[in-house]
Amino acid sequence: MGIKDEPFVVAQSVSVEGDPYNTDTEGVILLPDDSIPKVVLSVDVCIKQPERTQVCIDTMAQIAVVGITFLSNPIDMTYEIHRNGNRIAIINDQMEFASNAPGARHTNFPNFPILDNNPYAGINTYDLVCTAVTGFNNFVASRSLKVTVFTV
């Protein structure tokens, strides 16, 4: 009886301890305010037989937003999963952040699971990409990207 090396898991995570609303906190990323996508986590996976392989991708990102003194602050974010630089999935997350207090805060933890049925042979780089489409003072704190490879 030998050891079966499938399925296998490749994972990366960043656990932010401290204030997720402050770029001085280790691991916190400030998203650009001008709709520029930002890779916040990546993993590399080697695929030997792409025609017989499925890749399950699970992601989580802690999005921290500091509000201003308006009564309603729209937050428009996109979360994307890329394979080798090409987008394979996207979620548009639009929220209304009601606040009338200076410095009010909001935290969202989107979870983004998908199944990639078409990986390429060789090294595949999977990226979690976040974009602040509207709003400002958007931070990415704790985050994870887990890839499970199955031979079918």
Protein backbone atom coordinates (compact mmCIF):
# COMPACT_ATOMS: atom_id res chain seq x y z
CA MET A 1 0.00 0.00 0.00
CA GLY A 2 1.59 3.28 -1.15
CA ILE A 3 0.97 6.87 -0.19
CA LYS A 4 -1.48 8.68 -2.43
CA ASP A 5 -0.28 12.22 -3.05
CA GLU A 6 -3.68 13.52 -4.22
CA PRO A 7 -5.64 15.53 -3.23
CA PHE A 8 -3.14 18.04 -1.96
CA VAL A 9 -3.53 21.50 -0.47
CA VAL A 10 -1.47 24.66 -0.94
CA ALA A 11 -2.36 27.60 1.29
CA GLN A 12 -1.20 31.07 2.24
CA SER A 13 -2.65 33.23 4.98
CA VAL A 14 -1.95 36.48 6.74
CA SER A 15 -3.35 36.94 10.24
CA VAL A 16 -3.36 40.57 11.29
CA GLU A 17 -3.04 41.10 15.00
CA GLY A 18 -3.95 44.60 16.04
CA ASP A 19 -5.74 47.45 14.31
CA PRO A 20 -6.95 46.43 10.80
CA TYR A 21 -7.64 50.12 10.02
CA ASN A 22 -4.01 51.21 10.20
CA THR A 23 -1.25 50.59 7.66
CA ASP A 24 1.29 50.72 10.51
CA THR A 25 -0.16 47.38 11.68
CA GLU A 26 1.91 44.52 10.26
CA GLY A 27 0.19 42.85 7.30
CA VAL A 28 -2.43 45.54 6.59
CA ILE A 29 -2.69 46.71 2.97
CA LEU A 30 -4.25 50.05 1.98
CA LEU A 31 -6.15 49.65 -1.29
CA PRO A 32 -5.56 52.41 -3.85
CA ASP A 33 -8.52 54.81 -4.13
CA ASP A 34 -8.38 54.94 -7.91
CA SER A 35 -9.76 51.50 -8.87
CA ILE A 36 -6.34 49.93 -9.29
CA PRO A 37 -6.48 46.15 -8.63
CA LYS A 38 -4.15 44.93 -5.88
CA VAL A 39 -2.92 41.34 -5.49
CA VAL A 40 -3.28 40.64 -1.77
CA LEU A 41 -2.27 36.95 -1.72
CA SER A 42 -0.87 34.32 -4.13
CA VAL A 43 -0.17 30.59 -4.24
CA ASP A 44 1.63 28.45 -6.83
CA VAL A 45 0.34 24.99 -7.70
CA CYS A 46 1.91 22.39 -10.01
CA ILE A 47 -0.62 20.55 -12.21
CA LYS A 48 0.56 17.32 -13.85
CA GLN A 49 -2.58 16.14 -15.68
CA PRO A 50 -4.88 19.11 -16.38
CA GLU A 51 -7.49 17.03 -18.24
CA ARG A 52 -8.06 14.96 -15.07
CA THR A 53 -7.65 17.71 -12.46
CA GLN A 54 -10.01 20.04 -10.61
CA VAL A 55 -8.81 22.85 -8.38
CA CYS A 56 -10.97 24.04 -5.49
CA ILE A 57 -10.09 27.58 -4.41
CA ASP A 58 -11.25 29.07 -1.09
CA THR A 59 -10.52 32.66 -0.13
CA MET A 60 -11.32 35.07 2.67
CA ALA A 61 -10.37 38.72 3.10
CA GLN A 62 -11.04 41.06 5.99
CA ILE A 63 -12.01 44.39 4.44
CA ALA A 64 -11.82 47.30 6.86
CA VAL A 65 -13.30 50.68 5.95
CA VAL A 66 -12.97 53.92 7.89
CA GLY A 67 -16.01 56.11 7.41
CA ILE A 68 -16.44 59.83 7.22
CA THR A 69 -19.17 62.13 8.50
CA PHE A 70 -21.70 61.49 5.72
CA LEU A 71 -24.89 59.62 6.62
CA SER A 72 -24.35 56.99 3.95
CA ASN A 73 -21.02 55.97 2.46
CA PRO A 74 -21.30 53.59 -0.49
CA ILE A 75 -18.57 50.98 -0.62
CA ASP A 76 -17.99 49.23 -3.92
CA MET A 77 -15.31 46.52 -3.93
CA THR A 78 -14.42 43.74 -6.33
CA TYR A 79 -12.81 40.45 -5.34
CA GLU A 80 -11.23 38.48 -8.13
CA ILE A 81 -9.44 35.18 -8.47
CA HIS A 82 -6.82 35.08 -11.19
CA ARG A 83 -5.00 32.10 -12.66
CA ASN A 84 -1.68 33.05 -14.25
CA GLY A 85 -2.72 36.71 -14.46
CA ASN A 86 -6.12 36.07 -16.05
CA ARG A 87 -9.36 36.57 -14.14
CA ILE A 88 -11.36 33.35 -13.71
CA ALA A 89 -13.95 34.62 -11.21
CA ILE A 90 -15.23 37.93 -9.83
CA ILE A 91 -17.58 39.10 -7.11
CA ASN A 92 -18.84 42.69 -6.98
CA ASP A 93 -19.58 43.67 -3.39
CA GLN A 94 -21.65 46.83 -2.97
CA MET A 95 -22.55 47.98 0.54
CA GLU A 96 -24.04 51.03 2.14
CA PHE A 97 -22.10 52.10 5.20
CA ALA A 98 -24.37 54.21 7.40
CA SER A 99 -22.41 56.51 9.66
CA ASN A 100 -22.80 59.92 11.16
CA ALA A 101 -19.75 59.71 13.40
CA PRO A 102 -16.29 60.80 12.34
CA GLY A 103 -13.96 57.84 12.06
CA ALA A 104 -16.76 55.25 12.16
CA ARG A 105 -15.64 51.81 11.06
CA HIS A 106 -17.05 48.88 9.13
CA THR A 107 -15.58 45.42 8.60
CA ASN A 108 -16.65 42.85 6.02
CA PHE A 109 -15.34 39.27 5.62
CA PRO A 110 -16.20 38.08 2.11
CA ASN A 111 -15.63 34.37 1.47
CA PHE A 112 -15.02 33.40 -2.13
CA PRO A 113 -15.03 29.65 -3.02
CA ILE A 114 -14.82 28.51 -6.66
CA LEU A 115 -13.94 25.39 -8.67
CA ASP A 116 -11.44 25.65 -11.52
CA ASN A 117 -12.11 22.84 -14.00
CA ASN A 118 -9.54 24.06 -16.54
CA PRO A 119 -6.10 24.39 -14.96
CA TYR A 120 -3.03 24.39 -17.19
CA ALA A 121 -0.21 21.83 -17.11
CA GLY A 122 2.75 23.07 -15.09
CA ILE A 123 2.88 25.84 -12.49
CA ASN A 124 -0.36 27.76 -12.02
CA THR A 125 -0.30 30.93 -9.93
CA TYR A 126 -3.61 31.73 -8.23
CA ASP A 127 -4.06 35.31 -6.97
CA LEU A 128 -6.65 36.94 -4.76
CA VAL A 129 -7.11 40.45 -6.16
CA CYS A 130 -9.05 43.25 -4.42
CA THR A 131 -10.08 46.57 -5.93
CA ALA A 132 -11.66 49.56 -4.21
CA VAL A 133 -13.99 50.74 -6.99
CA THR A 134 -15.53 53.53 -4.90
CA GLY A 135 -14.89 54.88 -1.46
CA PHE A 136 -11.61 55.51 0.25
CA ASN A 137 -9.74 54.35 3.34
CA ASN A 138 -10.29 50.71 2.33
CA PHE A 139 -7.91 48.26 3.97
CA VAL A 140 -7.27 44.54 3.57
CA ALA A 141 -6.24 42.92 6.85
CA SER A 142 -6.39 39.19 7.63
CA ARG A 143 -6.75 37.09 4.49
CA SER A 144 -6.33 33.54 3.24
CA LEU A 145 -6.09 31.68 -0.05
CA LYS A 146 -6.34 27.88 -0.04
CA VAL A 147 -6.09 25.70 -3.13
CA THR A 148 -7.03 22.00 -3.05
CA VAL A 149 -6.09 19.91 -6.08
CA PHE A 150 -8.14 16.80 -6.95
CA THR A 151 -7.51 14.20 -9.62
CA VAL A 152 -10.81 12.98 -11.08
